[in-house]
Amino acid sequence: MKKIVLAAVFICALSVPAFAREAYVAITSGIWMPDKTNYLNSSFNPADATYDSGWLIGGAYGVSTGKNLRIETELSYRQAPAKGNSNDSWALGMLVNLWYDFKNSSIFTPYAGGGLGFGHSHVSSPGPVDHTGSGLAYQAGGGVDIRIAQKLSLDVGYRYFGVADTSNSNNTSTDIDGSTIIGGVRMRF
């Protein structure tokens, strides 16, 4: 399954479909606020980890269909410090997203959508068990594209991102999810 998802992401990234009206690249950063996670402590008992706000950095390549739809491939990395221990939580996501643009006559274009793909994550765990694993990455959200020039716009938005159905060698869960506030730049060509 991982190989199929990776192949789909790279094929989409390297090709511009015949239906595409314009292509774009985007660079984003933001604040990641992961939800509480579970781990096994040094006594092998279940415990909870909570997090301070962390950060996100990402990039995307996409195409617009001309019918208010955009299809893109995205690569993003998120990291947040755990409260009460020195371990961080992190997540790497490679997704294929579908966004719907609510076109209007202003420079502000609201959009909504989401995506699926492959994720690799680590849940904060000061105990003896490594909580690093891979699984299904997903996100849903929306935002506003603010056009500042013909081929350049700012992107302000929200994403609920997660990595679920994770697997690792310890048969422990490394599922993680949380909210992200993003800001970025989108360049069309």
Protein backbone atom coordinates (compact mmCIF):
# COMPACT_ATOMS: atom_id res chain seq x y z
CA MET A 1 0.00 0.00 0.00
CA LYS A 2 2.83 2.42 0.89
CA LYS A 3 4.48 1.88 -2.49
CA ILE A 4 1.21 2.52 -4.35
CA VAL A 5 0.60 5.79 -2.48
CA LEU A 6 4.19 6.96 -3.04
CA ALA A 7 4.00 6.10 -6.75
CA ALA A 8 0.72 8.03 -7.12
CA VAL A 9 2.19 11.09 -5.37
CA PHE A 10 5.27 11.17 -7.60
CA ILE A 11 3.35 10.51 -10.84
CA CYS A 12 1.00 13.40 -10.05
CA ALA A 13 3.94 15.64 -9.18
CA LEU A 14 5.77 14.96 -12.44
CA SER A 15 2.90 15.26 -14.88
CA VAL A 16 0.64 18.10 -15.96
CA PRO A 17 -2.67 16.57 -17.04
CA ALA A 18 -4.34 17.67 -20.28
CA PHE A 19 -7.26 19.14 -18.30
CA ALA A 20 -4.98 21.52 -16.37
CA ARG A 21 -5.48 25.25 -16.95
CA GLU A 22 -2.49 26.40 -14.92
CA ALA A 23 0.09 24.86 -12.62
CA TYR A 24 1.39 26.25 -9.33
CA VAL A 25 3.87 25.69 -6.54
CA ALA A 26 3.20 26.62 -2.94
CA ILE A 27 5.34 27.02 0.15
CA THR A 28 3.66 27.01 3.57
CA SER A 29 4.55 27.28 7.22
CA GLY A 30 2.45 27.51 10.32
CA ILE A 31 1.57 26.51 13.85
CA TRP A 32 0.76 22.88 14.68
CA MET A 33 -1.30 22.01 17.77
CA PRO A 34 -1.35 18.21 18.16
CA ASP A 35 -4.00 16.53 20.26
CA LYS A 36 -3.17 14.38 23.29
CA THR A 37 -1.53 11.00 22.50
CA ASN A 38 -0.94 7.77 24.44
CA TYR A 39 2.29 5.87 25.11
CA LEU A 40 3.75 3.25 27.45
CA ASN A 41 5.82 4.68 30.31
CA SER A 42 8.94 3.08 31.86
CA SER A 43 6.70 0.68 33.87
CA PHE A 44 4.90 -0.31 30.64
CA ASN A 45 1.71 1.37 31.86
CA PRO A 46 -0.43 3.54 29.56
CA ALA A 47 0.18 7.27 29.91
CA ASP A 48 -0.88 10.43 28.10
CA ALA A 49 1.31 13.02 26.41
CA THR A 50 0.15 16.58 25.84
CA TYR A 51 1.95 19.12 23.68
CA ASP A 52 2.82 22.77 23.39
CA SER A 53 2.23 24.40 20.02
CA GLY A 54 4.79 23.42 17.42
CA TRP A 55 5.55 24.31 13.83
CA LEU A 56 4.93 23.17 10.26
CA ILE A 57 6.78 23.58 6.99
CA GLY A 58 5.58 22.26 3.66
CA GLY A 59 5.40 22.58 -0.07
CA ALA A 60 3.01 21.59 -2.84
CA TYR A 61 2.80 21.28 -6.60
CA GLY A 62 -0.66 21.51 -8.11
CA VAL A 63 -2.79 22.14 -11.15
CA SER A 64 -6.06 24.01 -11.59
CA THR A 65 -8.73 22.38 -13.76
CA GLY A 66 -10.47 25.64 -14.63
CA LYS A 67 -13.69 24.31 -13.08
CA ASN A 68 -12.94 25.58 -9.55
CA LEU A 69 -11.01 22.39 -8.69
CA ARG A 70 -7.32 22.11 -7.84
CA ILE A 71 -5.39 18.85 -7.51
CA GLU A 72 -2.04 18.91 -5.75
CA THR A 73 0.65 16.79 -4.19
CA GLU A 74 1.95 18.01 -0.86
CA LEU A 75 4.92 17.21 1.33
CA SER A 76 4.82 18.56 4.90
CA TYR A 77 6.66 18.15 8.19
CA ARG A 78 5.25 19.02 11.62
CA GLN A 79 6.94 19.00 15.03
CA ALA A 80 5.76 19.89 18.55
CA PRO A 81 7.38 19.61 22.02
CA ALA A 82 5.73 17.44 24.67
CA LYS A 83 4.83 18.99 28.01
CA GLY A 84 6.68 17.46 30.95
CA ASN A 85 9.35 15.54 29.02
CA SER A 86 12.07 16.28 26.52
CA ASN A 87 10.64 14.26 23.64
CA ASP A 88 9.05 15.85 20.61
CA SER A 89 6.21 14.56 18.51
CA TRP A 90 6.58 14.84 14.75
CA ALA A 91 4.77 13.84 11.58
CA LEU A 92 5.81 13.69 7.93
CA GLY A 93 3.01 13.63 5.37
CA MET A 94 2.93 13.05 1.61
CA LEU A 95 -0.60 13.68 0.39
CA VAL A 96 -2.68 14.10 -2.75
CA ASN A 97 -5.17 16.92 -2.09
CA LEU A 98 -8.33 18.07 -3.84
CA TRP A 99 -9.41 21.69 -3.22
CA TYR A 100 -12.58 23.48 -4.37
CA ASP A 101 -12.21 27.23 -5.00
CA PHE A 102 -15.31 29.41 -4.42
CA LYS A 103 -14.58 31.88 -7.27
CA ASN A 104 -15.85 35.46 -7.04
CA SER A 105 -14.96 38.88 -8.42
CA SER A 106 -12.74 39.94 -5.50
CA ILE A 107 -9.08 39.19 -4.76
CA PHE A 108 -10.24 36.85 -1.96
CA THR A 109 -11.02 33.27 -3.01
CA PRO A 110 -12.21 30.96 -0.22
CA TYR A 111 -11.48 27.24 -0.69
CA ALA A 112 -12.19 23.93 1.07
CA GLY A 113 -11.14 20.33 0.65
CA GLY A 114 -8.73 17.71 1.88
CA GLY A 115 -6.42 14.89 1.00
CA LEU A 116 -5.09 11.40 1.64
CA GLY A 117 -1.65 9.87 1.43
CA PHE A 118 1.23 8.35 3.38
CA GLY A 119 2.45 9.47 6.80
CA HIS A 120 5.33 8.67 9.12
CA SER A 121 5.09 9.87 12.72
CA HIS A 122 6.58 9.75 16.20
CA VAL A 123 4.56 10.11 19.40
CA SER A 124 6.38 11.48 22.44
CA SER A 125 7.38 8.54 24.64
CA PRO A 126 9.88 8.89 27.50
CA GLY A 127 9.41 5.17 28.22
CA PRO A 128 11.30 2.20 26.73
CA VAL A 129 9.04 1.66 23.72
CA ASP A 130 9.72 3.51 20.47
CA HIS A 131 6.52 5.07 19.19
CA THR A 132 7.55 5.68 15.57
CA GLY A 133 5.42 4.25 12.78
CA SER A 134 3.89 4.68 9.34
CA GLY A 135 0.31 4.75 8.13
CA LEU A 136 -2.47 6.64 6.38
CA ALA A 137 -2.10 10.43 6.38
CA TYR A 138 -5.22 12.57 5.99
CA GLN A 139 -6.26 16.19 6.20
CA ALA A 140 -9.30 18.40 5.77
CA GLY A 141 -9.58 22.14 5.89
CA GLY A 142 -9.98 25.36 4.05
CA GLY A 143 -8.76 28.89 3.78
CA VAL A 144 -8.56 32.01 1.68
CA ASP A 145 -6.34 32.64 -1.34
CA ILE A 146 -5.49 36.37 -1.49
CA ARG A 147 -4.26 37.33 -4.95
CA ILE A 148 -1.58 40.04 -4.71
CA ALA A 149 -0.38 39.85 -8.33
CA GLN A 150 -1.48 38.07 -11.51
CA LYS A 151 0.63 34.96 -10.78
CA LEU A 152 1.19 35.35 -7.01
CA SER A 153 -1.08 34.96 -4.01
CA LEU A 154 -0.98 34.54 -0.25
CA ASP A 155 -2.67 31.54 1.35
CA VAL A 156 -4.11 31.68 4.87
CA GLY A 157 -5.89 28.59 6.14
CA TYR A 158 -6.67 25.82 8.57
CA ARG A 159 -5.93 22.09 8.31
CA TYR A 160 -6.89 19.19 10.54
CA PHE A 161 -4.07 16.74 9.85
CA GLY A 162 -3.45 13.24 11.14
CA VAL A 163 -1.57 10.00 10.67
CA ALA A 164 -3.73 6.93 11.47
CA ASP A 165 -3.61 3.16 11.18
CA THR A 166 0.08 3.28 11.94
CA SER A 167 2.25 0.22 12.22
CA ASN A 168 5.64 -0.34 13.81
CA SER A 169 7.79 -3.20 15.07
CA ASN A 170 6.44 -2.90 18.65
CA ASN A 171 2.75 -3.28 17.77
CA THR A 172 2.04 0.01 19.55
CA SER A 173 0.01 2.96 18.30
CA THR A 174 1.68 6.06 16.93
CA ASP A 175 -1.54 7.66 15.68
CA ILE A 176 -1.44 11.42 15.96
CA ASP A 177 -3.63 14.28 14.79
CA GLY A 178 -4.24 17.93 15.43
CA SER A 179 -4.99 21.39 14.12
CA THR A 180 -2.70 23.51 11.97
CA ILE A 181 -2.95 27.21 11.15
CA ILE A 182 -1.04 27.89 7.93
CA GLY A 183 0.27 30.82 5.96
CA GLY A 184 1.99 30.58 2.63
CA VAL A 185 2.72 31.78 -0.86
CA ARG A 186 1.36 30.28 -4.09
CA MET A 187 3.06 31.02 -7.45
CA ARG A 188 1.25 30.16 -10.69
CA PHE A 189 2.90 29.48 -14.04
